[in-house]
PDB file of N, CA and C in Angstrom:
ATOM      1  N   MET A   1       0.845  -1.184   0.000  1.00  0.00           N
ATOM      2  CA  MET A   1       0.000   0.000   0.000  1.00  0.00           C
ATOM      3  C   MET A   1       0.883   1.239   0.000  1.00  0.00           C
ATOM      4  N   PHE A   2       0.525   2.206  -0.790  1.00  0.00           N
ATOM      5  CA  PHE A   2       1.285   3.443  -0.933  1.00  0.00           C
ATOM      6  C   PHE A   2       0.640   4.486  -0.036  1.00  0.00           C
ATOM      7  N   LEU A   3       1.084   4.518   1.229  1.00  0.00           N
ATOM      8  CA  LEU A   3       0.507   5.415   2.213  1.00  0.00           C
ATOM      9  C   LEU A   3       1.508   6.501   2.542  1.00  0.00           C
ATOM     10  N   VAL A   4       1.092   7.742   2.356  1.00  0.00           N
ATOM     11  CA  VAL A   4       1.981   8.862   2.628  1.00  0.00           C
ATOM     12  C   VAL A   4       1.195  10.009   3.232  1.00  0.00           C
ATOM     13  N   GLU A   5       1.945  10.933   3.801  1.00  0.00           N
ATOM     14  CA  GLU A   5       1.332  12.129   4.344  1.00  0.00           C
ATOM     15  C   GLU A   5       2.266  13.297   4.051  1.00  0.00           C
ATOM     16  N   ILE A   6       1.716  14.343   3.462  1.00  0.00           N
ATOM     17  CA  ILE A   6       2.506  15.532   3.184  1.00  0.00           C
ATOM     18  C   ILE A   6       1.953  16.653   4.056  1.00  0.00           C
ATOM     19  N   GLU A   7       2.849  17.320   4.765  1.00  0.00           N
ATOM     20  CA  GLU A   7       2.436  18.389   5.660  1.00  0.00           C
ATOM     21  C   GLU A   7       2.791  19.732   5.055  1.00  0.00           C
ATOM     22  N   MET A   8       2.272  20.791   5.630  1.00  0.00           N
ATOM     23  CA  MET A   8       2.493  22.134   5.136  1.00  0.00           C
ATOM     24  C   MET A   8       3.966  22.543   5.221  1.00  0.00           C
ATOM     25  N   ASP A   9       4.736  21.978   6.136  1.00  0.00           N
ATOM     26  CA  ASP A   9       6.135  22.370   6.283  1.00  0.00           C
ATOM     27  C   ASP A   9       7.052  21.595   5.342  1.00  0.00           C
ATOM     28  N   LYS A  10       6.485  21.026   4.297  1.00  0.00           N
ATOM     29  CA  LYS A  10       7.246  20.353   3.245  1.00  0.00           C
ATOM     30  C   LYS A  10       8.008  19.131   3.738  1.00  0.00           C
ATOM     31  N   GLN A  11       7.374  18.388   4.619  1.00  0.00           N
ATOM     32  CA  GLN A  11       7.926  17.100   5.031  1.00  0.00           C
ATOM     33  C   GLN A  11       7.069  16.003   4.420  1.00  0.00           C
ATOM     34  N   PHE A  12       7.677  14.865   4.250  1.00  0.00           N
ATOM     35  CA  PHE A  12       7.000  13.712   3.679  1.00  0.00           C
ATOM     36  C   PHE A  12       7.162  12.559   4.645  1.00  0.00           C
ATOM     37  N   LYS A  13       6.045  11.919   5.010  1.00  0.00           N
ATOM     38  CA  LYS A  13       6.072  10.808   5.961  1.00  0.00           C
ATOM     39  C   LYS A  13       5.531   9.549   5.302  1.00  0.00           C
ATOM     40  N   THR A  14       6.182   8.436   5.603  1.00  0.00           N
ATOM     41  CA  THR A  14       5.700   7.147   5.111  1.00  0.00           C
ATOM     42  C   THR A  14       6.105   6.037   6.071  1.00  0.00           C
ATOM     43  N   PRO A  15       5.247   5.040   6.250  1.00  0.00           N
ATOM     44  CA  PRO A  15       5.625   3.859   7.037  1.00  0.00           C
ATOM     45  C   PRO A  15       6.259   2.774   6.164  1.00  0.00           C
ATOM     46  N   ASP A  16       6.281   2.986   4.853  1.00  0.00           N
ATOM     47  CA  ASP A  16       6.727   1.988   3.881  1.00  0.00           C
ATOM     48  C   ASP A  16       8.259   1.933   3.811  1.00  0.00           C
ATOM     49  N   LEU A  17       8.844   0.837   4.290  1.00  0.00           N
ATOM     50  CA  LEU A  17      10.294   0.677   4.297  1.00  0.00           C
ATOM     51  C   LEU A  17      10.876   0.691   2.889  1.00  0.00           C
ATOM     52  N   ASN A  18      10.187   0.089   1.934  1.00  0.00           N
ATOM     53  CA  ASN A  18      10.689   0.071   0.559  1.00  0.00           C
ATOM     54  C   ASN A  18      10.742   1.475  -0.035  1.00  0.00           C
ATOM     55  N   LEU A  19       9.682   2.236   0.147  1.00  0.00           N
ATOM     56  CA  LEU A  19       9.657   3.609  -0.345  1.00  0.00           C
ATOM     57  C   LEU A  19      10.710   4.444   0.378  1.00  0.00           C
ATOM     58  N   ALA A  20      10.798   4.288   1.687  1.00  0.00           N
ATOM     59  CA  ALA A  20      11.790   5.038   2.465  1.00  0.00           C
ATOM     60  C   ALA A  20      13.206   4.702   1.999  1.00  0.00           C
ATOM     61  N   SER A  21      13.466   3.444   1.713  1.00  0.00           N
ATOM     62  CA  SER A  21      14.785   3.024   1.237  1.00  0.00           C
ATOM     63  C   SER A  21      15.091   3.651  -0.116  1.00  0.00           C
ATOM     64  N   PHE A  22      14.113   3.673  -0.981  1.00  0.00           N
ATOM     65  CA  PHE A  22      14.285   4.284  -2.297  1.00  0.00           C
ATOM     66  C   PHE A  22      14.578   5.780  -2.165  1.00  0.00           C
ATOM     67  N   LEU A  23      13.813   6.479  -1.324  1.00  0.00           N
ATOM     68  CA  LEU A  23      14.031   7.911  -1.147  1.00  0.00           C
ATOM     69  C   LEU A  23      15.410   8.189  -0.560  1.00  0.00           C
ATOM     70  N   PHE A  24      15.776   7.421   0.462  1.00  0.00           N
ATOM     71  CA  PHE A  24      17.067   7.587   1.130  1.00  0.00           C
ATOM     72  C   PHE A  24      18.214   7.336   0.136  1.00  0.00           C
ATOM     73  N   ALA A  25      18.086   6.277  -0.650  1.00  0.00           N
ATOM     74  CA  ALA A  25      19.105   5.941  -1.654  1.00  0.00           C
ATOM     75  C   ALA A  25      19.159   6.984  -2.769  1.00  0.00           C
ATOM     76  N   SER A  26      18.064   7.689  -2.976  1.00  0.00           N
ATOM     77  CA  SER A  26      17.998   8.717  -4.018  1.00  0.00           C
ATOM     78  C   SER A  26      18.502  10.071  -3.539  1.00  0.00           C
ATOM     79  N   GLY A  27      18.919  10.125  -2.277  1.00  0.00           N
ATOM     80  CA  GLY A  27      19.496  11.356  -1.763  1.00  0.00           C
ATOM     81  C   GLY A  27      18.533  12.292  -1.073  1.00  0.00           C
ATOM     82  N   ILE A  28      17.305  11.853  -0.837  1.00  0.00           N
ATOM     83  CA  ILE A  28      16.340  12.674  -0.102  1.00  0.00           C
ATOM     84  C   ILE A  28      16.714  12.604   1.374  1.00  0.00           C
ATOM     85  N   SER A  29      16.808  13.740   2.031  1.00  0.00           N
ATOM     86  CA  SER A  29      17.252  13.792   3.432  1.00  0.00           C
ATOM     87  C   SER A  29      16.214  13.222   4.385  1.00  0.00           C
ATOM     88  N   LEU A  30      16.661  12.268   5.198  1.00  0.00           N
ATOM     89  CA  LEU A  30      15.829  11.728   6.267  1.00  0.00           C
ATOM     90  C   LEU A  30      15.945  12.679   7.451  1.00  0.00           C
ATOM     91  N   ILE A  31      14.816  13.202   7.891  1.00  0.00           N
ATOM     92  CA  ILE A  31      14.808  14.160   8.993  1.00  0.00           C
ATOM     93  C   ILE A  31      14.798  13.435  10.332  1.00  0.00           C
ATOM     94  N   THR A  32      13.902  12.469  10.457  1.00  0.00           N
ATOM     95  CA  THR A  32      13.751  11.745  11.720  1.00  0.00           C
ATOM     96  C   THR A  32      12.860  10.527  11.506  1.00  0.00           C
ATOM     97  N   LEU A  33      12.725   9.743  12.539  1.00  0.00           N
ATOM     98  CA  LEU A  33      11.722   8.678  12.575  1.00  0.00           C
ATOM     99  C   LEU A  33      10.686   9.099  13.608  1.00  0.00           C
ATOM    100  N   ASP A  34       9.428   8.931  13.277  1.00  0.00           N
ATOM    101  CA  ASP A  34       8.333   9.327  14.160  1.00  0.00           C
ATOM    102  C   ASP A  34       7.792   8.073  14.848  1.00  0.00           C
ATOM    103  N   TYR A  35       8.054   7.972  16.160  1.00  0.00           N
ATOM    104  CA  TYR A  35       7.641   6.802  16.945  1.00  0.00           C
ATOM    105  C   TYR A  35       6.367   7.066  17.740  1.00  0.00           C
ATOM    106  N   ALA A  36       5.602   8.089  17.386  1.00  0.00           N
ATOM    107  CA  ALA A  36       4.390   8.433  18.132  1.00  0.00           C
ATOM    108  C   ALA A  36       3.441   7.240  18.237  1.00  0.00           C
ATOM    109  N   ASP A  37       3.334   6.463  17.175  1.00  0.00           N
ATOM    110  CA  ASP A  37       2.518   5.246  17.174  1.00  0.00           C
ATOM    111  C   ASP A  37       3.458   4.067  16.937  1.00  0.00           C
ATOM    112  N   PRO A  38       3.804   3.316  17.981  1.00  0.00           N
ATOM    113  CA  PRO A  38       4.756   2.212  17.837  1.00  0.00           C
ATOM    114  C   PRO A  38       4.326   1.147  16.820  1.00  0.00           C
ATOM    115  N   GLN A  39       3.044   1.081  16.527  1.00  0.00           N
ATOM    116  CA  GLN A  39       2.548   0.115  15.544  1.00  0.00           C
ATOM    117  C   GLN A  39       2.671   0.653  14.111  1.00  0.00           C
ATOM    118  N   ASN A  40       2.981   1.934  13.978  1.00  0.00           N
ATOM    119  CA  ASN A  40       3.046   2.571  12.667  1.00  0.00           C
ATOM    120  C   ASN A  40       4.151   3.623  12.670  1.00  0.00           C
ATOM    121  N   ILE A  41       5.396   3.193  12.762  1.00  0.00           N
ATOM    122  CA  ILE A  41       6.535   4.110  12.791  1.00  0.00           C
ATOM    123  C   ILE A  41       6.680   4.751  11.409  1.00  0.00           C
ATOM    124  N   LEU A  42       6.875   6.056  11.406  1.00  0.00           N
ATOM    125  CA  LEU A  42       6.958   6.801  10.161  1.00  0.00           C
ATOM    126  C   LEU A  42       8.371   7.304   9.902  1.00  0.00           C
ATOM    127  N   PHE A  43       8.804   7.183   8.662  1.00  0.00           N
ATOM    128  CA  PHE A  43      10.037   7.796   8.201  1.00  0.00           C
ATOM    129  C   PHE A  43       9.668   9.204   7.755  1.00  0.00           C
ATOM    130  N   VAL A  44      10.384  10.202   8.245  1.00  0.00           N
ATOM    131  CA  VAL A  44      10.080  11.594   7.917  1.00  0.00           C
ATOM    132  C   VAL A  44      11.228  12.151   7.078  1.00  0.00           C
ATOM    133  N   PHE A  45      10.911  12.545   5.858  1.00  0.00           N
ATOM    134  CA  PHE A  45      11.889  13.050   4.899  1.00  0.00           C
ATOM    135  C   PHE A  45      11.601  14.497   4.539  1.00  0.00           C
ATOM    136  N   ASP A  46      12.639  15.167   3.986  1.00  0.00           N
ATOM    137  CA  ASP A  46      12.377  16.409   3.275  1.00  0.00           C
ATOM    138  C   ASP A  46      11.451  16.055   2.124  1.00  0.00           C
ATOM    139  N   ASP A  47      10.653  17.003   1.697  1.00  0.00           N
ATOM    140  CA  ASP A  47       9.679  16.765   0.632  1.00  0.00           C
ATOM    141  C   ASP A  47      10.384  16.359  -0.663  1.00  0.00           C
ATOM    142  N   PRO A  48      10.133  15.143  -1.152  1.00  0.00           N
ATOM    143  CA  PRO A  48      10.783  14.695  -2.389  1.00  0.00           C
ATOM    144  C   PRO A  48      10.070  15.248  -3.624  1.00  0.00           C
ATOM    145  N   PRO A  49      10.752  15.259  -4.760  1.00  0.00           N
ATOM    146  CA  PRO A  49      10.094  15.674  -6.003  1.00  0.00           C
ATOM    147  C   PRO A  49       8.925  14.739  -6.320  1.00  0.00           C
ATOM    148  N   ALA A  50       7.839  15.303  -6.793  1.00  0.00           N
ATOM    149  CA  ALA A  50       6.638  14.518  -7.092  1.00  0.00           C
ATOM    150  C   ALA A  50       6.913  13.438  -8.126  1.00  0.00           C
ATOM    151  N   ASP A  51       7.770  13.723  -9.103  1.00  0.00           N
ATOM    152  CA  ASP A  51       8.036  12.729 -10.140  1.00  0.00           C
ATOM    153  C   ASP A  51       8.749  11.500  -9.589  1.00  0.00           C
ATOM    154  N   LEU A  52       9.555  11.682  -8.547  1.00  0.00           N
ATOM    155  CA  LEU A  52      10.238  10.551  -7.911  1.00  0.00           C
ATOM    156  C   LEU A  52       9.216   9.617  -7.255  1.00  0.00           C
ATOM    157  N   LEU A  53       8.245  10.202  -6.574  1.00  0.00           N
ATOM    158  CA  LEU A  53       7.186   9.405  -5.942  1.00  0.00           C
ATOM    159  C   LEU A  53       6.326   8.707  -6.984  1.00  0.00           C
ATOM    160  N   LEU A  54       6.009   9.405  -8.051  1.00  0.00           N
ATOM    161  CA  LEU A  54       5.193   8.821  -9.107  1.00  0.00           C
ATOM    162  C   LEU A  54       5.900   7.636  -9.756  1.00  0.00           C
ATOM    163  N   LYS A  55       7.187   7.790 -10.028  1.00  0.00           N
ATOM    164  CA  LYS A  55       7.944   6.690 -10.630  1.00  0.00           C
ATOM    165  C   LYS A  55       7.982   5.473  -9.710  1.00  0.00           C
ATOM    166  N   PHE A  56       8.135   5.696  -8.406  1.00  0.00           N
ATOM    167  CA  PHE A  56       8.124   4.576  -7.471  1.00  0.00           C
ATOM    168  C   PHE A  56       6.761   3.882  -7.505  1.00  0.00           C
ATOM    169  N   ARG A  57       5.710   4.675  -7.431  1.00  0.00           N
ATOM    170  CA  ARG A  57       4.354   4.118  -7.399  1.00  0.00           C
ATOM    171  C   ARG A  57       4.006   3.376  -8.686  1.00  0.00           C
ATOM    172  N   MET A  58       4.500   3.876  -9.805  1.00  0.00           N
ATOM    173  CA  MET A  58       4.185   3.261 -11.095  1.00  0.00           C
ATOM    174  C   MET A  58       5.103   2.078 -11.420  1.00  0.00           C
ATOM    175  N   GLY A  59       6.136   1.885 -10.596  1.00  0.00           N
ATOM    176  CA  GLY A  59       7.051   0.768 -10.840  1.00  0.00           C
ATOM    177  C   GLY A  59       8.087   1.067 -11.901  1.00  0.00           C
ATOM    178  N   THR A  60       8.308   2.346 -12.193  1.00  0.00           N
ATOM    179  CA  THR A  60       9.287   2.720 -13.213  1.00  0.00           C
ATOM    180  C   THR A  60      10.511   3.407 -12.619  1.00  0.00           C
ATOM    181  N   ALA A  61      10.634   3.378 -11.310  1.00  0.00           N
ATOM    182  CA  ALA A  61      11.776   4.015 -10.642  1.00  0.00           C
ATOM    183  C   ALA A  61      13.058   3.285 -11.003  1.00  0.00           C
ATOM    184  N   GLU A  62      14.123   4.067 -11.139  1.00  0.00           N
ATOM    185  CA  GLU A  62      15.428   3.509 -11.438  1.00  0.00           C
ATOM    186  C   GLU A  62      16.413   4.010 -10.399  1.00  0.00           C
ATOM    187  N   GLY A  63      17.485   3.260 -10.212  1.00  0.00           N
ATOM    188  CA  GLY A  63      18.501   3.702  -9.266  1.00  0.00           C
ATOM    189  C   GLY A  63      19.576   2.650  -9.082  1.00  0.00           C
ATOM    190  N   ASN A  64      20.481   2.958  -8.203  1.00  0.00           N
ATOM    191  CA  ASN A  64      21.598   2.088  -7.882  1.00  0.00           C
ATOM    192  C   ASN A  64      21.138   1.041  -6.866  1.00  0.00           C
ATOM    193  N   ILE A  65      21.151  -0.230  -7.240  1.00  0.00           N
ATOM    194  CA  ILE A  65      20.644  -1.286  -6.366  1.00  0.00           C
ATOM    195  C   ILE A  65      21.487  -1.441  -5.104  1.00  0.00           C
ATOM    196  N   LEU A  66      22.792  -1.193  -5.190  1.00  0.00           N
ATOM    197  CA  LEU A  66      23.637  -1.257  -4.009  1.00  0.00           C
ATOM    198  C   LEU A  66      23.286  -0.130  -3.041  1.00  0.00           C
ATOM    199  N   ALA A  67      23.048   1.058  -3.556  1.00  0.00           N
ATOM    200  CA  ALA A  67      22.640   2.189  -2.709  1.00  0.00           C
ATOM    201  C   ALA A  67      21.296   1.887  -2.039  1.00  0.00           C
ATOM    202  N   TYR A  68      20.369   1.282  -2.786  1.00  0.00           N
ATOM    203  CA  TYR A  68      19.073   0.906  -2.231  1.00  0.00           C
ATOM    204  C   TYR A  68      19.245  -0.129  -1.115  1.00  0.00           C
ATOM    205  N   SER A  69      20.054  -1.145  -1.367  1.00  0.00           N
ATOM    206  CA  SER A  69      20.284  -2.194  -0.382  1.00  0.00           C
ATOM    207  C   SER A  69      20.918  -1.633   0.887  1.00  0.00           C
ATOM    208  N   ASN A  70      21.901  -0.765   0.721  1.00  0.00           N
ATOM    209  CA  ASN A  70      22.550  -0.142   1.881  1.00  0.00           C
ATOM    210  C   ASN A  70      21.576   0.760   2.642  1.00  0.00           C
ATOM    211  N   ALA A  71      20.761   1.496   1.913  1.00  0.00           N
ATOM    212  CA  ALA A  71      19.778   2.375   2.549  1.00  0.00           C
ATOM    213  C   ALA A  71      18.772   1.551   3.350  1.00  0.00           C
ATOM    214  N   ARG A  72      18.305   0.461   2.773  1.00  0.00           N
ATOM    215  CA  ARG A  72      17.336  -0.403   3.460  1.00  0.00           C
ATOM    216  C   ARG A  72      17.942  -0.981   4.742  1.00  0.00           C
ATOM    217  N   ARG A  73      19.186  -1.445   4.642  1.00  0.00           N
ATOM    218  CA  ARG A  73      19.871  -1.984   5.814  1.00  0.00           C
ATOM    219  C   ARG A  73      20.008  -0.924   6.907  1.00  0.00           C
ATOM    220  N   ASP A  74      20.429   0.269   6.516  1.00  0.00           N
ATOM    221  CA  ASP A  74      20.604   1.356   7.492  1.00  0.00           C
ATOM    222  C   ASP A  74      19.277   1.728   8.151  1.00  0.00           C
ATOM    223  N   LEU A  75      18.219   1.820   7.376  1.00  0.00           N
ATOM    224  CA  LEU A  75      16.910   2.166   7.942  1.00  0.00           C
ATOM    225  C   LEU A  75      16.397   1.065   8.873  1.00  0.00           C
ATOM    226  N   GLN A  76      16.620  -0.181   8.510  1.00  0.00           N
ATOM    227  CA  GLN A  76      16.222  -1.287   9.386  1.00  0.00           C
ATOM    228  C   GLN A  76      16.976  -1.226  10.705  1.00  0.00           C
ATOM    229  N   HIS A  77      18.254  -0.885  10.672  1.00  0.00           N
ATOM    230  CA  HIS A  77      19.020  -0.744  11.908  1.00  0.00           C
ATOM    231  C   HIS A  77      18.458   0.382  12.777  1.00  0.00           C
ATOM    232  N   MET A  78      18.074   1.480  12.140  1.00  0.00           N
ATOM    233  CA  MET A  78      17.469   2.588  12.896  1.00  0.00           C
ATOM    234  C   MET A  78      16.179   2.130  13.570  1.00  0.00           C
ATOM    235  N   LEU A  79      15.362   1.371  12.855  1.00  0.00           N
ATOM    236  CA  LEU A  79      14.117   0.873  13.431  1.00  0.00           C
ATOM    237  C   LEU A  79      14.372  -0.056  14.605  1.00  0.00           C
ATOM    238  N   LYS A  80      15.354  -0.922  14.470  1.00  0.00           N
ATOM    239  CA  LYS A  80      15.665  -1.881  15.531  1.00  0.00           C
ATOM    240  C   LYS A  80      16.210  -1.191  16.773  1.00  0.00           C
ATOM    241  N   ARG A  81      16.952  -0.121  16.562  1.00  0.00           N
ATOM    242  CA  ARG A  81      17.477   0.623  17.699  1.00  0.00           C
ATOM    243  C   ARG A  81      16.374   1.377  18.447  1.00  0.00           C
ATOM    244  N   GLY A  82      15.273   1.622  17.748  1.00  0.00           N
ATOM    245  CA  GLY A  82      14.142   2.282  18.391  1.00  0.00           C
ATOM    246  C   GLY A  82      14.367   3.744  18.694  1.00  0.00           C
ATOM    247  N   LYS A  83      15.276   4.347  17.967  1.00  0.00           N
ATOM    248  CA  LYS A  83      15.533   5.766  18.148  1.00  0.00           C
ATOM    249  C   LYS A  83      16.041   6.336  16.845  1.00  0.00           C
ATOM    250  N   ASN A  84      16.135   7.624  16.787  1.00  0.00           N
ATOM    251  CA  ASN A  84      16.599   8.282  15.575  1.00  0.00           C
ATOM    252  C   ASN A  84      18.046   7.962  15.314  1.00  0.00           C
ATOM    253  N   GLY A  85      18.367   7.803  14.033  1.00  0.00           N
ATOM    254  CA  GLY A  85      19.693   7.401  13.650  1.00  0.00           C
ATOM    255  C   GLY A  85      20.584   8.529  13.326  1.00  0.00           C
TER     256      GLY A  85
END
């Protein structure tokens, strides 16, 4: 499911690890992790370009698979630590 939230202060939030990994690997700055709801931890990023999100959603996103793999690993470690990385 492609669940996101965009706020007025130009932040982008998602609980989706795959999307978060793609954004992180694409150079979008991770601001923090939002643990307000432990059942739905959110990755909070600077607002990414709309076309990047569209490409991910449409399955046409491209990128460096090693960067994606490293980003996913790093984000998983942040989640396991239970605090901001």
